[in-house]
Structures are given as structure tokens and as C-alpha cells.
All heavy atoms as atom14 arrays in JSON, in Angstrom:
{
  "sequence": "QLVESGGGLVQAGDSLRLSCAASGRINYPMGWFRQAPGKERE",
  "atom14_mask": [
    [1, 1, 1, 1, 1, 1, 1, 1, 1, 0, 0, 0, 0, 0],
    [1, 1, 1, 1, 1, 1, 1, 1, 0, 0, 0, 0, 0, 0],
    [1, 1, 1, 1, 1, 1, 1, 0, 0, 0, 0, 0, 0, 0],
    [1, 1, 1, 1, 1, 1, 1, 1, 1, 0, 0, 0, 0, 0],
    [1, 1, 1, 1, 1, 1, 0, 0, 0, 0, 0, 0, 0, 0],
    [1, 1, 1, 1, 0, 0, 0, 0, 0, 0, 0, 0, 0, 0],
    [1, 1, 1, 1, 0, 0, 0, 0, 0, 0, 0, 0, 0, 0],
    [1, 1, 1, 1, 0, 0, 0, 0, 0, 0, 0, 0, 0, 0],
    [1, 1, 1, 1, 1, 1, 1, 1, 0, 0, 0, 0, 0, 0],
    [1, 1, 1, 1, 1, 1, 1, 0, 0, 0, 0, 0, 0, 0],
    [1, 1, 1, 1, 1, 1, 1, 1, 1, 0, 0, 0, 0, 0],
    [1, 1, 1, 1, 1, 0, 0, 0, 0, 0, 0, 0, 0, 0],
    [1, 1, 1, 1, 0, 0, 0, 0, 0, 0, 0, 0, 0, 0],
    [1, 1, 1, 1, 1, 1, 1, 1, 0, 0, 0, 0, 0, 0],
    [1, 1, 1, 1, 1, 1, 0, 0, 0, 0, 0, 0, 0, 0],
    [1, 1, 1, 1, 1, 1, 1, 1, 0, 0, 0, 0, 0, 0],
    [1, 1, 1, 1, 1, 1, 1, 1, 1, 1, 1, 0, 0, 0],
    [1, 1, 1, 1, 1, 1, 1, 1, 0, 0, 0, 0, 0, 0],
    [1, 1, 1, 1, 1, 1, 0, 0, 0, 0, 0, 0, 0, 0],
    [1, 1, 1, 1, 1, 1, 0, 0, 0, 0, 0, 0, 0, 0],
    [1, 1, 1, 1, 1, 0, 0, 0, 0, 0, 0, 0, 0, 0],
    [1, 1, 1, 1, 1, 0, 0, 0, 0, 0, 0, 0, 0, 0],
    [1, 1, 1, 1, 1, 1, 0, 0, 0, 0, 0, 0, 0, 0],
    [1, 1, 1, 1, 0, 0, 0, 0, 0, 0, 0, 0, 0, 0],
    [1, 1, 1, 1, 1, 1, 1, 1, 1, 1, 1, 0, 0, 0],
    [1, 1, 1, 1, 1, 1, 1, 1, 0, 0, 0, 0, 0, 0],
    [1, 1, 1, 1, 1, 1, 1, 1, 0, 0, 0, 0, 0, 0],
    [1, 1, 1, 1, 1, 1, 1, 1, 1, 1, 1, 1, 0, 0],
    [1, 1, 1, 1, 1, 1, 1, 0, 0, 0, 0, 0, 0, 0],
    [1, 1, 1, 1, 1, 1, 1, 1, 0, 0, 0, 0, 0, 0],
    [1, 1, 1, 1, 0, 0, 0, 0, 0, 0, 0, 0, 0, 0],
    [1, 1, 1, 1, 1, 1, 1, 1, 1, 1, 1, 1, 1, 1],
    [1, 1, 1, 1, 1, 1, 1, 1, 1, 1, 1, 0, 0, 0],
    [1, 1, 1, 1, 1, 1, 1, 1, 1, 1, 1, 0, 0, 0],
    [1, 1, 1, 1, 1, 1, 1, 1, 1, 0, 0, 0, 0, 0],
    [1, 1, 1, 1, 1, 0, 0, 0, 0, 0, 0, 0, 0, 0],
    [1, 1, 1, 1, 1, 1, 1, 0, 0, 0, 0, 0, 0, 0],
    [1, 1, 1, 1, 0, 0, 0, 0, 0, 0, 0, 0, 0, 0],
    [1, 1, 1, 1, 1, 1, 1, 1, 1, 0, 0, 0, 0, 0],
    [1, 1, 1, 1, 1, 1, 1, 1, 1, 0, 0, 0, 0, 0],
    [1, 1, 1, 1, 1, 1, 1, 1, 1, 1, 1, 0, 0, 0],
    [1, 1, 1, 1, 1, 1, 1, 1, 1, 0, 0, 0, 0, 0]
  ],
  "atom14_positions": [
    [[-4.34, -40.06, -32.02], [-4.63, -39.25, -33.18], [-6.11, -38.93, -33.21], [-6.94, -39.83, -33.04], [-4.21, -39.95, -34.47], [-2.72, -40.15, -34.6], [-2.33, -40.76, -35.94], [-3.11, -40.76, -36.89], [-1.12, -41.28, -36.01], [0.0, 0.0, 0.0], [0.0, 0.0, 0.0], [0.0, 0.0, 0.0], [0.0, 0.0, 0.0], [0.0, 0.0, 0.0]],
    [[-6.43, -37.68, -33.41], [-7.81, -37.22, -33.39], [-8.14, -36.47, -34.68], [-7.37, -35.62, -35.11], [-8.04, -36.28, -32.2], [-7.64, -36.84, -30.82], [-7.67, -35.72, -29.78], [-8.59, -37.96, -30.42], [0.0, 0.0, 0.0], [0.0, 0.0, 0.0], [0.0, 0.0, 0.0], [0.0, 0.0, 0.0], [0.0, 0.0, 0.0], [0.0, 0.0, 0.0]],
    [[-9.27, -36.8, -35.27], [-9.7, -36.17, -36.51], [-11.14, -35.72, -36.38], [-12.04, -36.54, -36.23], [-9.56, -37.12, -37.71], [-10.0, -36.41, -38.99], [-8.13, -37.61, -37.84], [0.0, 0.0, 0.0], [0.0, 0.0, 0.0], [0.0, 0.0, 0.0], [0.0, 0.0, 0.0], [0.0, 0.0, 0.0], [0.0, 0.0, 0.0], [0.0, 0.0, 0.0]],
    [[-11.35, -34.4, -36.46], [-12.69, -33.84, -36.35], [-13.36, -33.76, -37.72], [-12.69, -33.62, -38.74], [-12.64, -32.43, -35.75], [-11.94, -32.34, -34.4], [-10.48, -31.95, -34.52], [-9.88, -32.2, -35.59], [-9.93, -31.4, -33.55], [0.0, 0.0, 0.0], [0.0, 0.0, 0.0], [0.0, 0.0, 0.0], [0.0, 0.0, 0.0], [0.0, 0.0, 0.0]],
    [[-14.68, -33.81, -37.72], [-15.46, -33.64, -38.93], [-16.86, -33.16, -38.57], [-17.26, -33.21, -37.42], [-15.55, -34.96, -39.72], [-16.23, -35.95, -38.97], [0.0, 0.0, 0.0], [0.0, 0.0, 0.0], [0.0, 0.0, 0.0], [0.0, 0.0, 0.0], [0.0, 0.0, 0.0], [0.0, 0.0, 0.0], [0.0, 0.0, 0.0], [0.0, 0.0, 0.0]],
    [[-17.59, -32.69, -39.56], [-18.97, -32.28, -39.35], [-19.22, -30.79, -39.36], [-20.37, -30.35, -39.31], [0.0, 0.0, 0.0], [0.0, 0.0, 0.0], [0.0, 0.0, 0.0], [0.0, 0.0, 0.0], [0.0, 0.0, 0.0], [0.0, 0.0, 0.0], [0.0, 0.0, 0.0], [0.0, 0.0, 0.0], [0.0, 0.0, 0.0], [0.0, 0.0, 0.0]],
    [[-18.17, -29.99, -39.42], [-18.34, -28.55, -39.44], [-18.95, -28.08, -40.75], [-19.0, -28.82, -41.73], [0.0, 0.0, 0.0], [0.0, 0.0, 0.0], [0.0, 0.0, 0.0], [0.0, 0.0, 0.0], [0.0, 0.0, 0.0], [0.0, 0.0, 0.0], [0.0, 0.0, 0.0], [0.0, 0.0, 0.0], [0.0, 0.0, 0.0], [0.0, 0.0, 0.0]],
    [[-19.42, -26.84, -40.74], [-20.02, -26.3, -41.94], [-20.65, -24.95, -41.7], [-20.51, -24.36, -40.62], [0.0, 0.0, 0.0], [0.0, 0.0, 0.0], [0.0, 0.0, 0.0], [0.0, 0.0, 0.0], [0.0, 0.0, 0.0], [0.0, 0.0, 0.0], [0.0, 0.0, 0.0], [0.0, 0.0, 0.0], [0.0, 0.0, 0.0], [0.0, 0.0, 0.0]],
    [[-21.36, -24.45, -42.7], [-22.04, -23.16, -42.63], [-23.52, -23.4, -42.39], [-24.18, -24.09, -43.18], [-21.83, -22.38, -43.92], [-22.6, -21.07, -44.08], [-22.19, -20.09, -43.0], [-22.36, -20.49, -45.47], [0.0, 0.0, 0.0], [0.0, 0.0, 0.0], [0.0, 0.0, 0.0], [0.0, 0.0, 0.0], [0.0, 0.0, 0.0], [0.0, 0.0, 0.0]],
    [[-24.05, -22.83, -41.32], [-25.46, -22.97, -40.98], [-26.02, -21.62, -40.56], [-25.29, -20.66, -40.33], [-25.69, -23.99, -39.85], [-25.21, -25.37, -40.27], [-24.97, -23.54, -38.58], [0.0, 0.0, 0.0], [0.0, 0.0, 0.0], [0.0, 0.0, 0.0], [0.0, 0.0, 0.0], [0.0, 0.0, 0.0], [0.0, 0.0, 0.0], [0.0, 0.0, 0.0]],
    [[-27.34, -21.56, -40.44], [-28.01, -20.36, -39.98], [-28.32, -20.45, -38.5], [-28.41, -21.54, -37.94], [-29.31, -20.13, -40.76], [-29.11, -19.78, -42.22], [-30.43, -19.45, -42.91], [-31.42, -20.14, -42.72], [-30.43, -18.39, -43.7], [0.0, 0.0, 0.0], [0.0, 0.0, 0.0], [0.0, 0.0, 0.0], [0.0, 0.0, 0.0], [0.0, 0.0, 0.0]],
    [[-28.48, -19.31, -37.87], [-28.83, -19.27, -36.46], [-30.09, -20.1, -36.21], [-31.06, -20.02, -36.97], [-29.04, -17.84, -36.0], [0.0, 0.0, 0.0], [0.0, 0.0, 0.0], [0.0, 0.0, 0.0], [0.0, 0.0, 0.0], [0.0, 0.0, 0.0], [0.0, 0.0, 0.0], [0.0, 0.0, 0.0], [0.0, 0.0, 0.0], [0.0, 0.0, 0.0]],
    [[-30.05, -20.91, -35.15], [-31.17, -21.76, -34.82], [-31.03, -23.17, -35.36], [-31.75, -24.08, -34.93], [0.0, 0.0, 0.0], [0.0, 0.0, 0.0], [0.0, 0.0, 0.0], [0.0, 0.0, 0.0], [0.0, 0.0, 0.0], [0.0, 0.0, 0.0], [0.0, 0.0, 0.0], [0.0, 0.0, 0.0], [0.0, 0.0, 0.0], [0.0, 0.0, 0.0]],
    [[-30.12, -23.37, -36.3], [-29.9, -24.69, -36.88], [-29.1, -25.59, -35.93], [-28.64, -25.15, -34.88], [-29.16, -24.57, -38.21], [-30.04, -24.09, -39.34], [-31.27, -23.97, -39.13], [-29.51, -23.82, -40.43], [0.0, 0.0, 0.0], [0.0, 0.0, 0.0], [0.0, 0.0, 0.0], [0.0, 0.0, 0.0], [0.0, 0.0, 0.0], [0.0, 0.0, 0.0]],
    [[-28.94, -26.83, -36.34], [-28.18, -27.8, -35.57], [-27.06, -28.4, -36.4], [-27.14, -28.47, -37.63], [-29.09, -28.93, -35.08], [-30.09, -28.45, -34.2], [0.0, 0.0, 0.0], [0.0, 0.0, 0.0], [0.0, 0.0, 0.0], [0.0, 0.0, 0.0], [0.0, 0.0, 0.0], [0.0, 0.0, 0.0], [0.0, 0.0, 0.0], [0.0, 0.0, 0.0]],
    [[-26.01, -28.83, -35.72], [-24.9, -29.53, -36.34], [-24.42, -30.59, -35.38], [-24.53, -30.43, -34.16], [-23.74, -28.58, -36.64], [-23.68, -27.85, -37.98], [-22.42, -26.99, -38.02], [-23.7, -28.82, -39.14], [0.0, 0.0, 0.0], [0.0, 0.0, 0.0], [0.0, 0.0, 0.0], [0.0, 0.0, 0.0], [0.0, 0.0, 0.0], [0.0, 0.0, 0.0]],
    [[-23.86, -31.64, -35.93], [-23.29, -32.7, -35.11], [-21.84, -32.89, -35.53], [-21.56, -33.31, -36.65], [-24.06, -34.0, -35.27], [-23.6, -35.12, -34.32], [-24.46, -36.37, -34.48], [-24.04, -37.45, -33.61], [-24.42, -37.6, -32.35], [-25.26, -36.72, -31.81], [-24.0, -38.63, -31.62], [0.0, 0.0, 0.0], [0.0, 0.0, 0.0], [0.0, 0.0, 0.0]],
    [[-20.93, -32.59, -34.62], [-19.52, -32.77, -34.87], [-19.09, -34.16, -34.41], [-19.65, -34.7, -33.46], [-18.68, -31.72, -34.14], [-19.01, -30.25, -34.41], [-18.04, -29.36, -33.66], [-18.97, -29.96, -35.91], [0.0, 0.0, 0.0], [0.0, 0.0, 0.0], [0.0, 0.0, 0.0], [0.0, 0.0, 0.0], [0.0, 0.0, 0.0], [0.0, 0.0, 0.0]],
    [[-18.1, -34.7, -35.08], [-17.6, -36.01, -34.72], [-16.08, -35.97, -34.63], [-15.43, -35.28, -35.4], [-18.03, -37.05, -35.76], [-17.58, -38.35, -35.41], [0.0, 0.0, 0.0], [0.0, 0.0, 0.0], [0.0, 0.0, 0.0], [0.0, 0.0, 0.0], [0.0, 0.0, 0.0], [0.0, 0.0, 0.0], [0.0, 0.0, 0.0], [0.0, 0.0, 0.0]],
    [[-15.54, -36.72, -33.69], [-14.1, -36.83, -33.52], [-13.73, -38.3, -33.52], [-14.14, -39.05, -32.63], [-13.67, -36.17, -32.2], [-11.93, -36.42, -31.77], [0.0, 0.0, 0.0], [0.0, 0.0, 0.0], [0.0, 0.0, 0.0], [0.0, 0.0, 0.0], [0.0, 0.0, 0.0], [0.0, 0.0, 0.0], [0.0, 0.0, 0.0], [0.0, 0.0, 0.0]],
    [[-12.97, -38.71, -34.53], [-12.52, -40.1, -34.63], [-11.2, -40.24, -33.9], [-10.25, -39.51, -34.2], [-12.39, -40.5, -36.09], [0.0, 0.0, 0.0], [0.0, 0.0, 0.0], [0.0, 0.0, 0.0], [0.0, 0.0, 0.0], [0.0, 0.0, 0.0], [0.0, 0.0, 0.0], [0.0, 0.0, 0.0], [0.0, 0.0, 0.0], [0.0, 0.0, 0.0]],
    [[-11.14, -41.16, -32.96], [-9.94, -41.37, -32.15], [-9.26, -42.67, -32.5], [-9.9, -43.73, -32.55], [-10.3, -41.35, -30.67], [0.0, 0.0, 0.0], [0.0, 0.0, 0.0], [0.0, 0.0, 0.0], [0.0, 0.0, 0.0], [0.0, 0.0, 0.0], [0.0, 0.0, 0.0], [0.0, 0.0, 0.0], [0.0, 0.0, 0.0], [0.0, 0.0, 0.0]],
    [[-7.94, -42.58, -32.73], [-7.17, -43.79, -33.04], [-6.68, -44.47, -31.77], [-6.29, -45.62, -31.79], [-5.99, -43.44, -33.93], [-5.08, -42.57, -33.27], [0.0, 0.0, 0.0], [0.0, 0.0, 0.0], [0.0, 0.0, 0.0], [0.0, 0.0, 0.0], [0.0, 0.0, 0.0], [0.0, 0.0, 0.0], [0.0, 0.0, 0.0], [0.0, 0.0, 0.0]],
    [[-6.68, -43.75, -30.67], [-6.22, -44.27, -29.4], [-7.34, -44.86, -28.56], [-8.36, -45.29, -29.09], [0.0, 0.0, 0.0], [0.0, 0.0, 0.0], [0.0, 0.0, 0.0], [0.0, 0.0, 0.0], [0.0, 0.0, 0.0], [0.0, 0.0, 0.0], [0.0, 0.0, 0.0], [0.0, 0.0, 0.0], [0.0, 0.0, 0.0], [0.0, 0.0, 0.0]],
    [[-7.13, -44.83, -27.26], [-8.11, -45.4, -26.33], [-9.34, -44.52, -26.22], [-9.24, -43.34, -25.92], [-7.47, -45.59, -24.96], [-6.26, -46.5, -24.96], [-5.64, -46.59, -23.58], [-4.43, -47.4, -23.59], [-3.66, -47.6, -22.53], [-3.97, -47.05, -21.37], [-2.57, -48.35, -22.64], [0.0, 0.0, 0.0], [0.0, 0.0, 0.0], [0.0, 0.0, 0.0]],
    [[-10.48, -45.12, -26.41], [-11.73, -44.37, -26.37], [-12.1, -43.96, -24.95], [-12.91, -43.05, -24.77], [-12.87, -45.2, -27.01], [-14.09, -44.31, -27.27], [-13.22, -46.38, -26.11], [-13.82, -43.19, -28.24], [0.0, 0.0, 0.0], [0.0, 0.0, 0.0], [0.0, 0.0, 0.0], [0.0, 0.0, 0.0], [0.0, 0.0, 0.0], [0.0, 0.0, 0.0]],
    [[-11.51, -44.6, -23.94], [-11.84, -44.25, -22.57], [-11.01, -43.1, -22.01], [-11.17, -42.73, -20.85], [-11.72, -45.48, -21.65], [-10.31, -46.01, -21.56], [-9.49, -45.77, -22.43], [-10.04, -46.77, -20.5], [0.0, 0.0, 0.0], [0.0, 0.0, 0.0], [0.0, 0.0, 0.0], [0.0, 0.0, 0.0], [0.0, 0.0, 0.0], [0.0, 0.0, 0.0]],
    [[-10.13, -42.53, -22.83], [-9.4, -41.34, -22.42], [-10.37, -40.21, -22.16], [-11.41, -40.12, -22.81], [-8.45, -40.9, -23.53], [-7.09, -41.54, -23.56], [-6.74, -42.54, -22.67], [-6.16, -41.14, -24.51], [-5.49, -43.13, -22.72], [-4.91, -41.72, -24.57], [-4.57, -42.71, -23.68], [-3.32, -43.29, -23.73], [0.0, 0.0, 0.0], [0.0, 0.0, 0.0]],
    [[-10.03, -39.33, -21.22], [-10.83, -38.12, -21.08], [-10.74, -37.35, -22.39], [-9.65, -37.2, -22.96], [-10.13, -37.36, -19.95], [-9.44, -38.42, -19.16], [-8.97, -39.41, -20.2], [0.0, 0.0, 0.0], [0.0, 0.0, 0.0], [0.0, 0.0, 0.0], [0.0, 0.0, 0.0], [0.0, 0.0, 0.0], [0.0, 0.0, 0.0], [0.0, 0.0, 0.0]],
    [[-11.86, -36.87, -22.88], [-11.88, -36.16, -24.14], [-12.81, -34.96, -24.03], [-13.7, -34.92, -23.19], [-12.34, -37.06, -25.29], [-11.46, -38.27, -25.51], [-12.04, -39.33, -26.85], [-11.68, -38.28, -28.28], [0.0, 0.0, 0.0], [0.0, 0.0, 0.0], [0.0, 0.0, 0.0], [0.0, 0.0, 0.0], [0.0, 0.0, 0.0], [0.0, 0.0, 0.0]],
    [[-12.57, -34.0, -24.91], [-13.4, -32.82, -24.86], [-13.41, -32.04, -26.16], [-12.62, -32.33, -27.07], [0.0, 0.0, 0.0], [0.0, 0.0, 0.0], [0.0, 0.0, 0.0], [0.0, 0.0, 0.0], [0.0, 0.0, 0.0], [0.0, 0.0, 0.0], [0.0, 0.0, 0.0], [0.0, 0.0, 0.0], [0.0, 0.0, 0.0], [0.0, 0.0, 0.0]],
    [[-14.3, -31.07, -26.21], [-14.4, -30.17, -27.34], [-14.03, -28.76, -26.89], [-14.45, -28.31, -25.81], [-15.81, -30.17, -27.92], [-16.17, -31.43, -28.64], [-16.86, -32.49, -28.14], [-15.85, -31.74, -30.0], [-16.99, -33.46, -29.11], [-16.38, -33.03, -30.25], [-15.17, -31.07, -31.01], [-16.26, -33.65, -31.49], [-15.04, -31.69, -32.24], [-15.59, -32.97, -32.47]],
    [[-13.28, -28.08, -27.72], [-12.84, -26.72, -27.46], [-13.04, -25.92, -28.74], [-13.18, -26.49, -29.81], [-11.36, -26.7, -27.05], [-11.07, -27.56, -25.84], [-10.95, -28.94, -25.97], [-10.93, -27.0, -24.58], [-10.69, -29.75, -24.88], [-10.67, -27.8, -23.47], [-10.56, -29.17, -23.62], [0.0, 0.0, 0.0], [0.0, 0.0, 0.0], [0.0, 0.0, 0.0]],
    [[-13.07, -24.63, -28.62], [-13.27, -23.82, -29.81], [-12.48, -22.52, -29.73], [-12.15, -22.03, -28.66], [-14.75, -23.5, -30.03], [-15.37, -22.59, -28.97], [-16.87, -22.49, -29.17], [-17.49, -21.57, -28.22], [-18.8, -21.4, -28.1], [-19.64, -22.09, -28.87], [-19.29, -20.55, -27.19], [0.0, 0.0, 0.0], [0.0, 0.0, 0.0], [0.0, 0.0, 0.0]],
    [[-12.18, -21.99, -30.89], [-11.48, -20.73, -30.97], [-12.15, -19.87, -32.04], [-12.12, -20.19, -33.22], [-10.0, -20.94, -31.32], [-9.18, -19.66, -31.27], [-7.69, -19.93, -31.26], [-7.24, -21.03, -31.56], [-6.91, -18.94, -30.89], [0.0, 0.0, 0.0], [0.0, 0.0, 0.0], [0.0, 0.0, 0.0], [0.0, 0.0, 0.0], [0.0, 0.0, 0.0]],
    [[-12.79, -18.8, -31.59], [-13.46, -17.88, -32.48], [-12.44, -16.91, -33.07], [-11.36, -16.71, -32.5], [-14.54, -17.12, -31.73], [0.0, 0.0, 0.0], [0.0, 0.0, 0.0], [0.0, 0.0, 0.0], [0.0, 0.0, 0.0], [0.0, 0.0, 0.0], [0.0, 0.0, 0.0], [0.0, 0.0, 0.0], [0.0, 0.0, 0.0], [0.0, 0.0, 0.0]],
    [[-12.76, -16.3, -34.2], [-11.84, -15.34, -34.82], [-11.43, -14.24, -33.86], [-12.3, -13.6, -33.24], [-12.65, -14.79, -35.99], [-13.58, -15.9, -36.34], [-13.98, -16.48, -35.01], [0.0, 0.0, 0.0], [0.0, 0.0, 0.0], [0.0, 0.0, 0.0], [0.0, 0.0, 0.0], [0.0, 0.0, 0.0], [0.0, 0.0, 0.0], [0.0, 0.0, 0.0]],
    [[-10.15, -14.03, -33.69], [-9.66, -12.97, -32.83], [-9.76, -13.24, -31.35], [-9.49, -12.34, -30.55], [0.0, 0.0, 0.0], [0.0, 0.0, 0.0], [0.0, 0.0, 0.0], [0.0, 0.0, 0.0], [0.0, 0.0, 0.0], [0.0, 0.0, 0.0], [0.0, 0.0, 0.0], [0.0, 0.0, 0.0], [0.0, 0.0, 0.0], [0.0, 0.0, 0.0]],
    [[-10.13, -14.45, -30.95], [-10.28, -14.76, -29.54], [-9.4, -15.94, -29.13], [-8.87, -16.66, -29.98], [-11.74, -15.07, -29.22], [-12.69, -13.9, -29.41], [-14.09, -14.24, -28.95], [-15.02, -13.06, -29.08], [-16.4, -13.37, -28.61], [0.0, 0.0, 0.0], [0.0, 0.0, 0.0], [0.0, 0.0, 0.0], [0.0, 0.0, 0.0], [0.0, 0.0, 0.0]],
    [[-9.26, -16.13, -27.83], [-8.49, -17.24, -27.31], [-9.3, -18.52, -27.37], [-10.53, -18.49, -27.37], [-8.07, -16.96, -25.86], [-7.15, -15.77, -25.68], [-5.81, -15.99, -26.33], [-5.26, -17.1, -26.2], [-5.3, -15.05, -26.96], [0.0, 0.0, 0.0], [0.0, 0.0, 0.0], [0.0, 0.0, 0.0], [0.0, 0.0, 0.0], [0.0, 0.0, 0.0]],
    [[-8.61, -19.65, -27.42], [-9.29, -20.92, -27.41], [-9.98, -21.12, -26.06], [-9.45, -20.76, -25.02], [-8.29, -22.05, -27.67], [-8.93, -23.4, -27.93], [-7.89, -24.44, -28.36], [-7.21, -24.05, -29.58], [-6.33, -24.81, -30.22], [-6.03, -26.02, -29.74], [-5.74, -24.37, -31.32], [0.0, 0.0, 0.0], [0.0, 0.0, 0.0], [0.0, 0.0, 0.0]],
    [[-11.18, -21.7, -26.09], [-11.94, -21.89, -24.87], [-12.56, -23.28, -24.8], [-12.79, -23.93, -25.81], [-13.04, -20.83, -24.75], [-14.1, -20.93, -25.82], [-15.21, -19.91, -25.65], [-15.16, -19.11, -24.69], [-16.14, -19.89, -26.49], [0.0, 0.0, 0.0], [0.0, 0.0, 0.0], [0.0, 0.0, 0.0], [0.0, 0.0, 0.0], [0.0, 0.0, 0.0]]
  ]
}
């Protein structure tokens, strides 16, 4: 089970730190992906 947090509204040039809490094994391969409006997930 994976739960993301940390998203929000920022201005260009700002920084954000996203976090993903994992209920399973932390040594699993893990990654971040994104899907912009009207686009495919990447």
C-alpha cells in the first residue's frame, strides 16, 4: 500500500518535497511517475 503526500500549489522556481509512505517492503523497487492534464502518465 502506497500513500503519497506533499503536493500543493507553488510558483515557478519554488521547491516541493513529495513523500510516499509504504506499508510493504521498503527495499522494493520504487519510483515516481506523473500525469499532466491531457497527457499520458510518464
